[in-house]
């Protein structure tokens, strides 16, 4: 009779365990999108001309980074959609 109780407990514990998580392969993101964008590199601006160049360089770097983030977000969204469908 003890063997029956032991088998019953093992069978019930097997049914109540959580299902394993499914691991999906990572999305393929081109390596150039993972490279940092250059902003202003140089000494601290001392004139208005230097300040204008620094502001322009920072704006271009920010624009580059935002474009890369948008592209990566589109790749990841497309990857999620393909996995579901």
Protein backbone atom coordinates (compact mmCIF):
# COMPACT_ATOMS: atom_id res chain seq x y z
CA UNK A 1 0.00 0.00 0.00
CA UNK A 2 2.90 2.37 0.71
CA UNK A 3 4.19 1.90 -2.82
CA UNK A 4 0.84 3.04 -4.21
CA UNK A 5 0.97 6.26 -2.16
CA UNK A 6 4.54 6.89 -3.27
CA UNK A 7 3.66 6.45 -6.95
CA UNK A 8 0.57 8.61 -6.60
CA UNK A 9 2.61 11.44 -5.03
CA UNK A 10 5.19 11.25 -7.84
CA UNK A 11 2.54 11.35 -10.54
CA UNK A 12 0.74 14.29 -8.98
CA UNK A 13 3.95 16.26 -8.52
CA UNK A 14 4.80 15.73 -12.20
CA UNK A 15 1.47 17.25 -13.22
CA UNK A 16 1.80 20.34 -11.05
CA UNK A 17 5.24 21.46 -12.17
CA UNK A 18 5.54 24.56 -14.30
CA UNK A 19 6.08 24.08 -18.02
CA UNK A 20 9.62 24.96 -19.16
CA UNK A 21 10.17 28.38 -20.73
CA UNK A 22 10.69 28.41 -24.47
CA UNK A 23 13.92 30.08 -25.54
CA UNK A 24 13.70 31.96 -28.82
CA UNK A 25 16.76 32.69 -30.92
CA UNK A 26 17.88 36.30 -30.73
CA UNK A 27 17.09 38.71 -33.53
CA UNK A 28 19.90 39.38 -35.98
CA UNK A 29 20.94 43.02 -35.68
CA UNK A 30 23.68 44.26 -38.06
CA UNK A 31 26.88 45.12 -36.23
CA UNK A 32 27.06 48.64 -37.70
CA UNK A 33 23.87 49.52 -35.79
CA UNK A 34 25.59 48.58 -32.53
CA UNK A 35 28.48 51.00 -33.00
CA UNK A 36 28.33 54.32 -31.10
CA UNK A 37 27.68 57.56 -32.96
CA UNK A 38 30.29 60.28 -32.71
CA UNK A 39 29.30 63.54 -31.08
CA UNK A 40 31.53 66.52 -30.40
CA UNK A 41 35.10 65.42 -29.68
CA UNK A 42 37.48 68.17 -28.82
CA UNK A 43 38.39 70.81 -26.30
CA UNK A 44 35.82 72.92 -24.54
CA UNK A 45 34.46 75.58 -26.92
CA UNK A 46 35.83 79.04 -26.15
CA UNK A 47 34.34 81.10 -28.97
CA UNK A 48 30.90 81.35 -30.50
CA UNK A 49 32.13 79.62 -33.65
CA UNK A 50 33.52 76.70 -31.64
CA UNK A 51 30.27 76.50 -29.68
CA UNK A 52 28.24 76.43 -32.89
CA UNK A 53 30.41 73.61 -34.28
CA UNK A 54 30.05 71.66 -31.02
CA UNK A 55 26.26 72.05 -31.02
CA UNK A 56 26.03 70.92 -34.65
CA UNK A 57 28.27 67.90 -33.99
CA UNK A 58 26.18 66.90 -30.95
CA UNK A 59 22.94 67.28 -32.92
CA UNK A 60 24.31 65.10 -35.73
CA UNK A 61 25.44 62.46 -33.21
CA UNK A 62 22.03 62.47 -31.51
CA UNK A 63 20.27 62.18 -34.88
CA UNK A 64 22.51 59.25 -35.84
CA UNK A 65 21.84 57.47 -32.53
CA UNK A 66 18.08 58.00 -32.77
CA UNK A 67 18.03 56.65 -36.35
CA UNK A 68 19.92 53.54 -35.22
CA UNK A 69 17.53 53.01 -32.30
CA UNK A 70 14.54 53.32 -34.61
CA UNK A 71 16.01 50.76 -37.01
CA UNK A 72 16.81 48.34 -34.17
CA UNK A 73 13.27 48.73 -32.80
CA UNK A 74 11.84 47.89 -36.24
CA UNK A 75 14.07 44.80 -36.50
CA UNK A 76 13.02 43.60 -33.05
CA UNK A 77 9.34 44.24 -33.73
CA UNK A 78 9.57 42.32 -37.01
CA UNK A 79 11.38 39.47 -35.22
CA UNK A 80 8.64 39.27 -32.55
CA UNK A 81 5.94 39.25 -35.24
CA UNK A 82 7.64 36.40 -37.15
CA UNK A 83 7.95 34.30 -33.99
CA UNK A 84 4.25 34.69 -33.16
CA UNK A 85 3.02 33.96 -36.68
